[in-house]
Amino acid sequence: MDSAFLRGEDLPPVELYELAGSYFVRDGNHRVSVARFHGLPLIEADVTELRPLRYRAEGRAA
């Protein structure tokens, strides 16, 4: 990934899950680490928002 980045190759967006304001990498850990190493402030990403289930007092999903 680092070599491809240094050559200026287009890399596919990383895939993230977002849950309550926190982001988790589904695919693209190496791309994220290369971006961090090179100090990039942004990286292209496809984000899937996850929402927690609500539970009633009986313990069943609402």
C-alpha atoms as a PDB file:
ATOM      1  CA  MET A   1       0.000   0.000   0.000  1.00  0.00           C
ATOM      2  CA  ASP A   2       2.779   2.419   0.855  1.00  0.00           C
ATOM      3  CA  SER A   3       4.505   1.868  -2.502  1.00  0.00           C
ATOM      4  CA  ALA A   4       1.237   2.370  -4.369  1.00  0.00           C
ATOM      5  CA  PHE A   5       0.601   5.556  -2.376  1.00  0.00           C
ATOM      6  CA  LEU A   6       4.106   6.880  -3.136  1.00  0.00           C
ATOM      7  CA  ARG A   7       3.605   6.158  -6.852  1.00  0.00           C
ATOM      8  CA  GLY A   8       0.425   8.229  -6.740  1.00  0.00           C
ATOM      9  CA  GLU A   9      -1.863   5.344  -7.604  1.00  0.00           C
ATOM     10  CA  ASP A  10      -5.543   5.732  -6.891  1.00  0.00           C
ATOM     11  CA  LEU A  11      -6.511   3.500  -4.015  1.00  0.00           C
ATOM     12  CA  PRO A  12     -10.086   2.341  -3.411  1.00  0.00           C
ATOM     13  CA  PRO A  13     -11.947   3.964  -0.531  1.00  0.00           C
ATOM     14  CA  VAL A  14     -11.762   2.254   2.836  1.00  0.00           C
ATOM     15  CA  GLU A  15     -14.950   0.751   4.226  1.00  0.00           C
ATOM     16  CA  LEU A  16     -16.005   1.914   7.676  1.00  0.00           C
ATOM     17  CA  TYR A  17     -18.763   1.250  10.156  1.00  0.00           C
ATOM     18  CA  GLU A  18     -19.945   4.249  12.183  1.00  0.00           C
ATOM     19  CA  LEU A  19     -21.613   3.631  15.525  1.00  0.00           C
ATOM     20  CA  ALA A  20     -22.496   6.485  17.877  1.00  0.00           C
ATOM     21  CA  GLY A  21     -19.753   8.761  16.536  1.00  0.00           C
ATOM     22  CA  SER A  22     -17.001   6.113  16.537  1.00  0.00           C
ATOM     23  CA  TYR A  23     -15.591   4.609  13.351  1.00  0.00           C
ATOM     24  CA  PHE A  24     -14.443   1.023  12.848  1.00  0.00           C
ATOM     25  CA  VAL A  25     -12.535  -0.214   9.781  1.00  0.00           C
ATOM     26  CA  ARG A  26     -14.322  -3.000   7.930  1.00  0.00           C
ATOM     27  CA  ASP A  27     -11.865  -3.088   5.017  1.00  0.00           C
ATOM     28  CA  GLY A  28      -8.726  -1.046   4.422  1.00  0.00           C
ATOM     29  CA  ASN A  29      -6.638  -1.220   7.588  1.00  0.00           C
ATOM     30  CA  HIS A  30      -3.392  -0.937   5.604  1.00  0.00           C
ATOM     31  CA  ARG A  31      -4.676   2.086   3.676  1.00  0.00           C
ATOM     32  CA  VAL A  32      -5.610   3.776   6.955  1.00  0.00           C
ATOM     33  CA  SER A  33      -2.181   3.096   8.470  1.00  0.00           C
ATOM     34  CA  VAL A  34      -0.403   4.446   5.371  1.00  0.00           C
ATOM     35  CA  ALA A  35      -2.565   7.586   5.421  1.00  0.00           C
ATOM     36  CA  ARG A  36      -1.793   8.129   9.119  1.00  0.00           C
ATOM     37  CA  PHE A  37       1.937   7.528   8.586  1.00  0.00           C
ATOM     38  CA  HIS A  38       2.037  10.171   5.852  1.00  0.00           C
ATOM     39  CA  GLY A  39      -0.032  12.618   7.908  1.00  0.00           C
ATOM     40  CA  LEU A  40      -3.016  12.781   5.582  1.00  0.00           C
ATOM     41  CA  PRO A  41      -5.873  14.650   7.270  1.00  0.00           C
ATOM     42  CA  LEU A  42      -8.549  12.897   5.164  1.00  0.00           C
ATOM     43  CA  ILE A  43      -9.044   9.558   3.462  1.00  0.00           C
ATOM     44  CA  GLU A  44     -11.808   8.554   1.077  1.00  0.00           C
ATOM     45  CA  ALA A  45     -14.251   6.169   2.732  1.00  0.00           C
ATOM     46  CA  ASP A  46     -17.561   4.429   2.278  1.00  0.00           C
ATOM     47  CA  VAL A  47     -19.341   4.606   5.630  1.00  0.00           C
ATOM     48  CA  THR A  48     -22.136   2.332   6.809  1.00  0.00           C
ATOM     49  CA  GLU A  49     -24.023   3.747   9.785  1.00  0.00           C
ATOM     50  CA  LEU A  50     -24.984   1.202  12.424  1.00  0.00           C
ATOM     51  CA  ARG A  51     -27.763   1.894  14.875  1.00  0.00           C
ATOM     52  CA  PRO A  52     -28.095   0.020  18.150  1.00  0.00           C
ATOM     53  CA  LEU A  53     -31.313  -1.857  18.766  1.00  0.00           C
ATOM     54  CA  ARG A  54     -33.694  -0.414  21.330  1.00  0.00           C
ATOM     55  CA  TYR A  55     -34.783  -2.808  24.030  1.00  0.00           C
ATOM     56  CA  ARG A  56     -38.014  -2.735  25.962  1.00  0.00           C
ATOM     57  CA  ALA A  57     -38.183  -3.614  29.639  1.00  0.00           C
ATOM     58  CA  GLU A  58     -39.037  -7.236  28.689  1.00  0.00           C
ATOM     59  CA  GLY A  59     -35.709  -7.508  26.887  1.00  0.00           C
ATOM     60  CA  ARG A  60     -37.106  -7.756  23.366  1.00  0.00           C
ATOM     61  CA  ALA A  61     -35.978  -5.571  20.487  1.00  0.00           C
ATOM     62  CA  ALA A  62     -38.363  -2.728  19.757  1.00  0.00           C
END
